[in-house]
PDB file of N, CA and C in Angstrom:
ATOM      1  N   UNK A   1      71.799  18.702-110.172  1.00  0.00           N
ATOM      2  CA  UNK A   1      71.681  18.519-108.414  1.00  0.00           C
ATOM      3  C   UNK A   1      72.551  19.457-107.725  1.00  0.00           C
ATOM      4  N   UNK A   2      73.539  20.082-108.476  1.00  0.00           N
ATOM      5  CA  UNK A   2      74.502  20.716-107.973  1.00  0.00           C
ATOM      6  C   UNK A   2      75.255  20.203-106.990  1.00  0.00           C
ATOM      7  N   UNK A   3      76.352  20.935-106.498  1.00  0.00           N
ATOM      8  CA  UNK A   3      77.310  20.452-105.794  1.00  0.00           C
ATOM      9  C   UNK A   3      77.120  20.661-104.114  1.00  0.00           C
ATOM     10  N   UNK A   4      77.172  19.512-103.344  1.00  0.00           N
ATOM     11  CA  UNK A   4      76.658  19.711-102.101  1.00  0.00           C
ATOM     12  C   UNK A   4      77.719  19.236-101.196  1.00  0.00           C
ATOM     13  N   UNK A   5      79.040  18.789-101.825  1.00  0.00           N
ATOM     14  CA  UNK A   5      80.304  18.201-101.178  1.00  0.00           C
ATOM     15  C   UNK A   5      81.347  19.034-100.921  1.00  0.00           C
ATOM     16  N   UNK A   6      81.697  18.982-100.070  1.00  0.00           N
ATOM     17  CA  UNK A   6      83.425  19.601 -99.692  1.00  0.00           C
ATOM     18  C   UNK A   6      84.127  18.951-100.773  1.00  0.00           C
ATOM     19  N   UNK A   7      85.440  19.900-101.213  1.00  0.00           N
ATOM     20  CA  UNK A   7      86.348  19.229-102.008  1.00  0.00           C
ATOM     21  C   UNK A   7      86.681  18.090-101.856  1.00  0.00           C
ATOM     22  N   UNK A   8      86.611  17.073-102.924  1.00  0.00           N
ATOM     23  CA  UNK A   8      87.164  15.404-102.563  1.00  0.00           C
ATOM     24  C   UNK A   8      86.270  14.842-102.062  1.00  0.00           C
ATOM     25  N   UNK A   9      85.210  15.305-101.542  1.00  0.00           N
ATOM     26  CA  UNK A   9      84.393  14.244-100.771  1.00  0.00           C
ATOM     27  C   UNK A   9      83.450  13.346-101.694  1.00  0.00           C
ATOM     28  N   UNK A  10      83.193  13.997-102.966  1.00  0.00           N
ATOM     29  CA  UNK A  10      82.554  13.131-103.372  1.00  0.00           C
ATOM     30  C   UNK A  10      82.793  11.733-104.159  1.00  0.00           C
ATOM     31  N   UNK A  11      84.296  11.804-104.381  1.00  0.00           N
ATOM     32  CA  UNK A  11      84.865  10.806-104.661  1.00  0.00           C
ATOM     33  C   UNK A  11      84.768   9.721-103.208  1.00  0.00           C
ATOM     34  N   UNK A  12      85.182  10.433-101.784  1.00  0.00           N
ATOM     35  CA  UNK A  12      84.847   9.494-101.065  1.00  0.00           C
ATOM     36  C   UNK A  12      83.596   8.755-100.892  1.00  0.00           C
ATOM     37  N   UNK A  13      82.500   9.677-101.216  1.00  0.00           N
ATOM     38  CA  UNK A  13      81.160   8.935-101.213  1.00  0.00           C
ATOM     39  C   UNK A  13      81.075   7.884-102.286  1.00  0.00           C
ATOM     40  N   UNK A  14      81.581   8.041-103.496  1.00  0.00           N
ATOM     41  CA  UNK A  14      81.431   7.385-104.323  1.00  0.00           C
ATOM     42  C   UNK A  14      82.000   6.018-103.923  1.00  0.00           C
ATOM     43  N   UNK A  15      83.369   6.504-103.603  1.00  0.00           N
ATOM     44  CA  UNK A  15      84.203   5.019-103.257  1.00  0.00           C
ATOM     45  C   UNK A  15      83.400   3.831-102.091  1.00  0.00           C
ATOM     46  N   UNK A  16      82.831   4.733-101.143  1.00  0.00           N
ATOM     47  CA  UNK A  16      82.230   4.247-100.209  1.00  0.00           C
ATOM     48  C   UNK A  16      80.880   3.338-100.502  1.00  0.00           C
ATOM     49  N   UNK A  17      80.030   3.565-101.610  1.00  0.00           N
ATOM     50  CA  UNK A  17      79.280   3.258-101.943  1.00  0.00           C
ATOM     51  C   UNK A  17      79.340   2.081-102.753  1.00  0.00           C
ATOM     52  N   UNK A  18      80.406   2.152-103.782  1.00  0.00           N
ATOM     53  CA  UNK A  18      80.892   1.198-104.464  1.00  0.00           C
ATOM     54  C   UNK A  18      81.369  -0.076-103.568  1.00  0.00           C
ATOM     55  N   UNK A  19      82.059   0.225-102.732  1.00  0.00           N
ATOM     56  CA  UNK A  19      82.577  -0.623-102.057  1.00  0.00           C
ATOM     57  C   UNK A  19      81.443  -1.513-101.155  1.00  0.00           C
ATOM     58  N   UNK A  20      80.855  -0.759-100.530  1.00  0.00           N
ATOM     59  CA  UNK A  20      79.751  -1.521 -99.519  1.00  0.00           C
ATOM     60  C   UNK A  20      78.576  -2.099-100.286  1.00  0.00           C
ATOM     61  N   UNK A  21      78.424  -1.394-101.482  1.00  0.00           N
ATOM     62  CA  UNK A  21      76.977  -1.976-102.468  1.00  0.00           C
ATOM     63  C   UNK A  21      77.368  -3.189-102.959  1.00  0.00           C
ATOM     64  N   UNK A  22      78.728  -3.198-103.807  1.00  0.00           N
ATOM     65  CA  UNK A  22      79.113  -3.916-104.880  1.00  0.00           C
ATOM     66  C   UNK A  22      80.254  -4.624-104.880  1.00  0.00           C
ATOM     67  N   UNK A  23      81.174  -4.352-103.557  1.00  0.00           N
ATOM     68  CA  UNK A  23      82.140  -5.034-103.369  1.00  0.00           C
ATOM     69  C   UNK A  23      83.538  -4.379-103.761  1.00  0.00           C
ATOM     70  N   UNK A  24      83.329  -3.528-104.635  1.00  0.00           N
ATOM     71  CA  UNK A  24      84.811  -3.158-105.516  1.00  0.00           C
ATOM     72  C   UNK A  24      84.263  -2.514-106.686  1.00  0.00           C
ATOM     73  N   UNK A  25      85.132  -1.669-107.510  1.00  0.00           N
ATOM     74  CA  UNK A  25      84.785  -1.454-108.928  1.00  0.00           C
ATOM     75  C   UNK A  25      84.390  -2.600-110.076  1.00  0.00           C
ATOM     76  N   UNK A  26      85.083  -3.924-110.004  1.00  0.00           N
ATOM     77  CA  UNK A  26      84.843  -4.615-110.745  1.00  0.00           C
ATOM     78  C   UNK A  26      83.458  -5.294-110.653  1.00  0.00           C
ATOM     79  N   UNK A  27      83.168  -5.537-109.631  1.00  0.00           N
ATOM     80  CA  UNK A  27      81.780  -5.977-109.142  1.00  0.00           C
ATOM     81  C   UNK A  27      80.479  -5.008-109.475  1.00  0.00           C
ATOM     82  N   UNK A  28      80.826  -3.817-109.356  1.00  0.00           N
ATOM     83  CA  UNK A  28      79.980  -2.579-109.743  1.00  0.00           C
ATOM     84  C   UNK A  28      79.757  -2.749-111.396  1.00  0.00           C
ATOM     85  N   UNK A  29      81.168  -2.574-112.037  1.00  0.00           N
ATOM     86  CA  UNK A  29      80.719  -2.596-113.533  1.00  0.00           C
ATOM     87  C   UNK A  29      80.092  -3.829-114.179  1.00  0.00           C
ATOM     88  N   UNK A  30      80.443  -4.871-113.398  1.00  0.00           N
ATOM     89  CA  UNK A  30      79.616  -6.294-113.769  1.00  0.00           C
ATOM     90  C   UNK A  30      78.253  -5.875-113.554  1.00  0.00           C
ATOM     91  N   UNK A  31      77.515  -5.340-112.215  1.00  0.00           N
ATOM     92  CA  UNK A  31      76.283  -5.407-111.993  1.00  0.00           C
ATOM     93  C   UNK A  31      75.782  -4.496-113.234  1.00  0.00           C
ATOM     94  N   UNK A  32      76.303  -3.645-113.565  1.00  0.00           N
ATOM     95  CA  UNK A  32      75.368  -2.981-114.968  1.00  0.00           C
ATOM     96  C   UNK A  32      75.717  -3.366-116.226  1.00  0.00           C
ATOM     97  N   UNK A  33      76.388  -4.639-116.601  1.00  0.00           N
ATOM     98  CA  UNK A  33      76.464  -5.197-117.465  1.00  0.00           C
ATOM     99  C   UNK A  33      77.909  -5.063-118.232  1.00  0.00           C
ATOM    100  N   UNK A  34      78.957  -4.319-117.756  1.00  0.00           N
ATOM    101  CA  UNK A  34      79.903  -3.699-118.423  1.00  0.00           C
ATOM    102  C   UNK A  34      81.112  -4.778-118.313  1.00  0.00           C
ATOM    103  N   UNK A  35      81.959  -4.871-118.831  1.00  0.00           N
ATOM    104  CA  UNK A  35      83.346  -6.125-118.680  1.00  0.00           C
ATOM    105  C   UNK A  35      83.293  -7.097-119.881  1.00  0.00           C
ATOM    106  N   UNK A  36      84.209  -8.012-119.576  1.00  0.00           N
ATOM    107  CA  UNK A  36      84.195  -9.108-120.945  1.00  0.00           C
ATOM    108  C   UNK A  36      82.921  -9.782-121.179  1.00  0.00           C
ATOM    109  N   UNK A  37      83.006  -9.451-122.404  1.00  0.00           N
ATOM    110  CA  UNK A  37      81.543 -10.200-122.931  1.00  0.00           C
ATOM    111  C   UNK A  37      80.211  -9.173-123.061  1.00  0.00           C
ATOM    112  N   UNK A  38      80.493  -8.086-122.207  1.00  0.00           N
ATOM    113  CA  UNK A  38      79.385  -7.106-122.315  1.00  0.00           C
ATOM    114  C   UNK A  38      79.747  -5.721-122.630  1.00  0.00           C
ATOM    115  N   UNK A  39      79.208  -4.888-121.989  1.00  0.00           N
ATOM    116  CA  UNK A  39      79.212  -3.512-122.797  1.00  0.00           C
ATOM    117  C   UNK A  39      80.739  -3.076-122.283  1.00  0.00           C
ATOM    118  N   UNK A  40      81.302  -1.862-123.198  1.00  0.00           N
ATOM    119  CA  UNK A  40      82.733  -1.365-123.253  1.00  0.00           C
ATOM    120  C   UNK A  40      82.250   0.308-122.329  1.00  0.00           C
ATOM    121  N   UNK A  41      82.768   0.294-121.365  1.00  0.00           N
ATOM    122  CA  UNK A  41      82.625   1.547-120.669  1.00  0.00           C
ATOM    123  C   UNK A  41      83.138   2.781-121.789  1.00  0.00           C
ATOM    124  N   UNK A  42      84.506   2.533-122.004  1.00  0.00           N
ATOM    125  CA  UNK A  42      85.012   3.515-123.373  1.00  0.00           C
ATOM    126  C   UNK A  42      84.079   3.447-124.428  1.00  0.00           C
ATOM    127  N   UNK A  43      83.308   2.846-124.623  1.00  0.00           N
ATOM    128  CA  UNK A  43      82.412   2.893-125.963  1.00  0.00           C
ATOM    129  C   UNK A  43      81.122   4.117-125.515  1.00  0.00           C
ATOM    130  N   UNK A  44      81.033   3.395-124.275  1.00  0.00           N
ATOM    131  CA  UNK A  44      79.878   4.344-123.785  1.00  0.00           C
ATOM    132  C   UNK A  44      80.245   5.668-123.376  1.00  0.00           C
ATOM    133  N   UNK A  45      81.284   5.893-123.230  1.00  0.00           N
ATOM    134  CA  UNK A  45      81.800   7.029-122.756  1.00  0.00           C
ATOM    135  C   UNK A  45      82.017   7.899-124.194  1.00  0.00           C
ATOM    136  N   UNK A  46      82.645   7.183-125.106  1.00  0.00           N
ATOM    137  CA  UNK A  46      82.523   8.011-126.218  1.00  0.00           C
ATOM    138  C   UNK A  46      81.273   8.341-127.119  1.00  0.00           C
ATOM    139  N   UNK A  47      80.576   7.826-126.721  1.00  0.00           N
ATOM    140  CA  UNK A  47      79.118   8.192-127.353  1.00  0.00           C
ATOM    141  C   UNK A  47      78.264   9.090-126.664  1.00  0.00           C
ATOM    142  N   UNK A  48      78.550   8.973-125.269  1.00  0.00           N
ATOM    143  CA  UNK A  48      77.744  10.218-124.423  1.00  0.00           C
ATOM    144  C   UNK A  48      78.374  11.408-125.001  1.00  0.00           C
ATOM    145  N   UNK A  49      79.716  11.429-125.068  1.00  0.00           N
ATOM    146  CA  UNK A  49      80.646  12.730-125.229  1.00  0.00           C
ATOM    147  C   UNK A  49      80.097  13.079-126.697  1.00  0.00           C
ATOM    148  N   UNK A  50      80.221  12.202-127.994  1.00  0.00           N
ATOM    149  CA  UNK A  50      79.474  12.628-129.030  1.00  0.00           C
ATOM    150  C   UNK A  50      78.096  13.178-129.095  1.00  0.00           C
ATOM    151  N   UNK A  51      77.358  12.908-128.094  1.00  0.00           N
ATOM    152  CA  UNK A  51      75.948  13.452-127.947  1.00  0.00           C
ATOM    153  C   UNK A  51      75.904  14.589-127.277  1.00  0.00           C
ATOM    154  N   UNK A  52      77.049  15.273-126.814  1.00  0.00           N
ATOM    155  CA  UNK A  52      77.417  16.547-126.087  1.00  0.00           C
ATOM    156  C   UNK A  52      77.443  16.121-124.539  1.00  0.00           C
ATOM    157  N   UNK A  53      77.712  14.976-124.114  1.00  0.00           N
ATOM    158  CA  UNK A  53      77.763  15.004-122.903  1.00  0.00           C
ATOM    159  C   UNK A  53      76.963  15.646-121.609  1.00  0.00           C
ATOM    160  N   UNK A  54      75.708  15.569-121.881  1.00  0.00           N
ATOM    161  CA  UNK A  54      74.953  15.995-121.001  1.00  0.00           C
ATOM    162  C   UNK A  54      74.411  14.832-119.810  1.00  0.00           C
ATOM    163  N   UNK A  55      74.220  15.542-118.465  1.00  0.00           N
ATOM    164  CA  UNK A  55      73.793  14.349-117.639  1.00  0.00           C
ATOM    165  C   UNK A  55      72.733  13.741-118.078  1.00  0.00           C
ATOM    166  N   UNK A  56      72.170  12.913-117.318  1.00  0.00           N
ATOM    167  CA  UNK A  56      70.593  12.145-117.896  1.00  0.00           C
ATOM    168  C   UNK A  56      69.500  12.906-117.159  1.00  0.00           C
TER     169      UNK A  56
END
């Protein structure tokens, strides 16, 4: 997609969406099946890196 954000604004947009749509990071993670009793974000990241770390 390329970068269309000014420096640092991508994180501001990310934070705004997570806050307004999910209520916070814990709710965001739970909405996607991560957390206690669910998927491990760390394990998913390790797996992604092992496969070359390419975006979808």
